[in-house]
Amino acid sequence: NKRAWREAEQSFRRALELESDMPTAYVGLSRALARQEKNTEAVEAVLTGLGLQHHLPAGHFQLGAVLTKLRFWERAIQAFETGLTMQPGNLLAHQFLCRLYRRIGQDAQAARHRQRLRELAPRGVIEE
């Protein structure tokens, strides 16, 4: 619910007041902001975290998710693909990429991620 996400936002902000160079706290803040539809702030928060630590697969995933909400399809694809170089088994990233590539008409790329989902996920776990 909205109240829980507001509280989460406040908690992450307090944590960052104590230790401003904690990249995972920026990712968490981004998630809390995005769940409240504060998407521009969510992008800024996750980019700050990624600026502190580039090798952060959860950060790239979060960036891709928020950019998808903002309809920046190509940028979202880039974020998810970057995250997959660090965490190739991320099922949700493959699922997002499948949908995003279909949306922009790159069916071969969508098929590549659909195949990867089939290889990684037990039958019936992932919705295509």
C-alpha atoms as a PDB file:
ATOM      1  CA  ASN A   1       0.000   0.000   0.000  1.00  0.00           C
ATOM      2  CA  LYS A   2       0.988   3.626  -0.470  1.00  0.00           C
ATOM      3  CA  ARG A   3       1.603   4.230   3.219  1.00  0.00           C
ATOM      4  CA  ALA A   4       4.107   1.380   3.423  1.00  0.00           C
ATOM      5  CA  TRP A   5       6.012   2.741   0.409  1.00  0.00           C
ATOM      6  CA  ARG A   6       6.051   6.254   1.935  1.00  0.00           C
ATOM      7  CA  GLU A   7       7.487   4.763   5.109  1.00  0.00           C
ATOM      8  CA  ALA A   8      10.048   2.830   3.087  1.00  0.00           C
ATOM      9  CA  GLU A   9      11.029   6.041   1.304  1.00  0.00           C
ATOM     10  CA  GLN A  10      11.523   7.785   4.656  1.00  0.00           C
ATOM     11  CA  SER A  11      13.605   4.878   5.967  1.00  0.00           C
ATOM     12  CA  PHE A  12      15.892   4.886   2.933  1.00  0.00           C
ATOM     13  CA  ARG A  13      16.277   8.662   3.163  1.00  0.00           C
ATOM     14  CA  ARG A  14      17.230   8.354   6.851  1.00  0.00           C
ATOM     15  CA  ALA A  15      19.768   5.649   6.011  1.00  0.00           C
ATOM     16  CA  LEU A  16      21.271   7.880   3.327  1.00  0.00           C
ATOM     17  CA  GLU A  17      21.510  10.779   5.780  1.00  0.00           C
ATOM     18  CA  LEU A  18      23.684   8.532   7.941  1.00  0.00           C
ATOM     19  CA  GLU A  19      25.715   7.051   5.094  1.00  0.00           C
ATOM     20  CA  SER A  20      25.343   8.858   1.788  1.00  0.00           C
ATOM     21  CA  ASP A  21      27.558   6.516  -0.225  1.00  0.00           C
ATOM     22  CA  MET A  22      25.410   3.381   0.109  1.00  0.00           C
ATOM     23  CA  PRO A  23      24.436   2.395  -3.457  1.00  0.00           C
ATOM     24  CA  THR A  24      21.912  -0.255  -2.420  1.00  0.00           C
ATOM     25  CA  ALA A  25      20.017   2.312  -0.332  1.00  0.00           C
ATOM     26  CA  TYR A  26      19.617   4.452  -3.453  1.00  0.00           C
ATOM     27  CA  VAL A  27      18.221   1.427  -5.298  1.00  0.00           C
ATOM     28  CA  GLY A  28      15.776   0.817  -2.457  1.00  0.00           C
ATOM     29  CA  LEU A  29      14.818   4.491  -2.402  1.00  0.00           C
ATOM     30  CA  SER A  30      14.239   4.327  -6.139  1.00  0.00           C
ATOM     31  CA  ARG A  31      11.925   1.361  -5.734  1.00  0.00           C
ATOM     32  CA  ALA A  32       9.948   3.096  -2.980  1.00  0.00           C
ATOM     33  CA  LEU A  33       9.647   6.246  -5.091  1.00  0.00           C
ATOM     34  CA  ALA A  34       8.575   4.319  -8.196  1.00  0.00           C
ATOM     35  CA  ARG A  35       5.851   2.510  -6.246  1.00  0.00           C
ATOM     36  CA  GLN A  36       4.496   5.956  -5.368  1.00  0.00           C
ATOM     37  CA  GLU A  37       4.611   7.004  -9.053  1.00  0.00           C
ATOM     38  CA  LYS A  38       7.485   9.428  -8.382  1.00  0.00           C
ATOM     39  CA  ASN A  39       9.250   8.053 -11.422  1.00  0.00           C
ATOM     40  CA  THR A  40      11.569  10.956 -12.270  1.00  0.00           C
ATOM     41  CA  GLU A  41      12.865  10.997  -8.690  1.00  0.00           C
ATOM     42  CA  ALA A  42      13.180   7.201  -8.848  1.00  0.00           C
ATOM     43  CA  VAL A  43      15.418   7.447 -11.920  1.00  0.00           C
ATOM     44  CA  GLU A  44      17.580  10.081 -10.224  1.00  0.00           C
ATOM     45  CA  ALA A  45      17.948   7.943  -7.098  1.00  0.00           C
ATOM     46  CA  VAL A  46      18.954   4.766  -8.905  1.00  0.00           C
ATOM     47  CA  LEU A  47      21.374   6.651 -11.168  1.00  0.00           C
ATOM     48  CA  THR A  48      23.028   8.068  -8.056  1.00  0.00           C
ATOM     49  CA  GLY A  49      23.427   4.544  -6.704  1.00  0.00           C
ATOM     50  CA  LEU A  50      24.828   3.283 -10.001  1.00  0.00           C
ATOM     51  CA  GLY A  51      27.210   6.230 -10.046  1.00  0.00           C
ATOM     52  CA  LEU A  52      28.588   4.992  -6.749  1.00  0.00           C
ATOM     53  CA  GLN A  53      28.772   1.349  -7.857  1.00  0.00           C
ATOM     54  CA  HIS A  54      28.319   0.433 -11.508  1.00  0.00           C
ATOM     55  CA  HIS A  55      28.436  -3.323 -10.902  1.00  0.00           C
ATOM     56  CA  LEU A  56      25.037  -3.493  -9.233  1.00  0.00           C
ATOM     57  CA  PRO A  57      22.652  -5.760 -11.167  1.00  0.00           C
ATOM     58  CA  ALA A  58      19.667  -4.810  -8.987  1.00  0.00           C
ATOM     59  CA  GLY A  59      20.313  -1.160  -9.805  1.00  0.00           C
ATOM     60  CA  HIS A  60      20.316  -1.760 -13.546  1.00  0.00           C
ATOM     61  CA  PHE A  61      17.131  -3.819 -13.191  1.00  0.00           C
ATOM     62  CA  GLN A  62      15.475  -1.027 -11.185  1.00  0.00           C
ATOM     63  CA  LEU A  63      16.564   1.547 -13.755  1.00  0.00           C
ATOM     64  CA  GLY A  64      15.099  -0.582 -16.538  1.00  0.00           C
ATOM     65  CA  ALA A  65      11.827  -1.017 -14.666  1.00  0.00           C
ATOM     66  CA  VAL A  66      11.389   2.713 -14.031  1.00  0.00           C
ATOM     67  CA  LEU A  67      12.385   3.645 -17.580  1.00  0.00           C
ATOM     68  CA  THR A  68       9.792   1.146 -18.806  1.00  0.00           C
ATOM     69  CA  LYS A  69       7.139   2.920 -16.712  1.00  0.00           C
ATOM     70  CA  LEU A  70       8.258   6.193 -18.295  1.00  0.00           C
ATOM     71  CA  ARG A  71       8.039   4.597 -21.769  1.00  0.00           C
ATOM     72  CA  PHE A  72      11.723   5.074 -22.569  1.00  0.00           C
ATOM     73  CA  TRP A  73      11.830   1.652 -24.235  1.00  0.00           C
ATOM     74  CA  GLU A  74      15.347   1.758 -25.736  1.00  0.00           C
ATOM     75  CA  ARG A  75      16.926   3.124 -22.566  1.00  0.00           C
ATOM     76  CA  ALA A  76      15.099   0.504 -20.506  1.00  0.00           C
ATOM     77  CA  ILE A  77      16.410  -2.199 -22.826  1.00  0.00           C
ATOM     78  CA  GLN A  78      19.945  -0.899 -22.373  1.00  0.00           C
ATOM     79  CA  ALA A  79      19.586  -0.962 -18.580  1.00  0.00           C
ATOM     80  CA  PHE A  80      18.198  -4.506 -18.519  1.00  0.00           C
ATOM     81  CA  GLU A  81      20.857  -5.746 -20.949  1.00  0.00           C
ATOM     82  CA  THR A  82      23.586  -4.167 -18.806  1.00  0.00           C
ATOM     83  CA  GLY A  83      22.200  -5.869 -15.718  1.00  0.00           C
ATOM     84  CA  LEU A  84      22.122  -9.203 -17.537  1.00  0.00           C
ATOM     85  CA  THR A  85      25.848  -8.974 -18.265  1.00  0.00           C
ATOM     86  CA  MET A  86      26.290  -9.051 -14.482  1.00  0.00           C
ATOM     87  CA  GLN A  87      23.461 -11.431 -13.597  1.00  0.00           C
ATOM     88  CA  PRO A  88      22.643 -13.502 -16.706  1.00  0.00           C
ATOM     89  CA  GLY A  89      20.054 -15.649 -14.940  1.00  0.00           C
ATOM     90  CA  ASN A  90      17.704 -12.797 -14.003  1.00  0.00           C
ATOM     91  CA  LEU A  91      14.372 -14.208 -15.194  1.00  0.00           C
ATOM     92  CA  LEU A  92      12.445 -10.980 -14.749  1.00  0.00           C
ATOM     93  CA  ALA A  93      14.969  -9.029 -16.822  1.00  0.00           C
ATOM     94  CA  HIS A  94      14.619 -11.567 -19.642  1.00  0.00           C
ATOM     95  CA  GLN A  95      10.838 -11.298 -19.351  1.00  0.00           C
ATOM     96  CA  PHE A  96      10.921  -7.493 -19.525  1.00  0.00           C
ATOM     97  CA  LEU A  97      13.291  -7.641 -22.502  1.00  0.00           C
ATOM     98  CA  CYS A  98      11.044 -10.085 -24.296  1.00  0.00           C
ATOM     99  CA  ARG A  99       8.138  -7.654 -24.022  1.00  0.00           C
ATOM    100  CA  LEU A 100      10.178  -4.530 -24.764  1.00  0.00           C
ATOM    101  CA  TYR A 101      11.818  -5.954 -27.863  1.00  0.00           C
ATOM    102  CA  ARG A 102       8.403  -7.067 -29.139  1.00  0.00           C
ATOM    103  CA  ARG A 103       7.044  -3.584 -28.437  1.00  0.00           C
ATOM    104  CA  ILE A 104       9.709  -1.936 -30.604  1.00  0.00           C
ATOM    105  CA  GLY A 105       9.432  -4.566 -33.343  1.00  0.00           C
ATOM    106  CA  GLN A 106      12.689  -6.430 -32.745  1.00  0.00           C
ATOM    107  CA  ASP A 107      11.211  -9.898 -32.832  1.00  0.00           C
ATOM    108  CA  ALA A 108      14.550 -11.703 -33.206  1.00  0.00           C
ATOM    109  CA  GLN A 109      15.797 -10.147 -29.967  1.00  0.00           C
ATOM    110  CA  ALA A 110      12.486 -10.938 -28.256  1.00  0.00           C
ATOM    111  CA  ALA A 111      12.823 -14.552 -29.389  1.00  0.00           C
ATOM    112  CA  ARG A 112      16.370 -14.710 -28.015  1.00  0.00           C
ATOM    113  CA  HIS A 113      15.149 -13.712 -24.556  1.00  0.00           C
ATOM    114  CA  ARG A 114      12.104 -15.987 -24.782  1.00  0.00           C
ATOM    115  CA  GLN A 115      14.460 -18.885 -25.521  1.00  0.00           C
ATOM    116  CA  ARG A 116      16.648 -17.913 -22.591  1.00  0.00           C
ATOM    117  CA  LEU A 117      13.561 -17.894 -20.343  1.00  0.00           C
ATOM    118  CA  ARG A 118      12.709 -21.410 -21.484  1.00  0.00           C
ATOM    119  CA  GLU A 119      16.238 -22.549 -20.665  1.00  0.00           C
ATOM    120  CA  LEU A 120      16.294 -20.933 -17.227  1.00  0.00           C
ATOM    121  CA  ALA A 121      12.772 -21.306 -15.849  1.00  0.00           C
ATOM    122  CA  PRO A 122      10.909 -24.420 -14.848  1.00  0.00           C
ATOM    123  CA  ARG A 123       7.911 -25.018 -17.070  1.00  0.00           C
ATOM    124  CA  GLY A 124       4.945 -22.797 -16.255  1.00  0.00           C
ATOM    125  CA  VAL A 125       6.820 -20.457 -13.903  1.00  0.00           C
ATOM    126  CA  ILE A 126       7.239 -17.570 -16.312  1.00  0.00           C
ATOM    127  CA  GLU A 127       4.439 -15.881 -18.187  1.00  0.00           C
ATOM    128  CA  GLU A 128       5.449 -15.005 -21.742  1.00  0.00           C
END
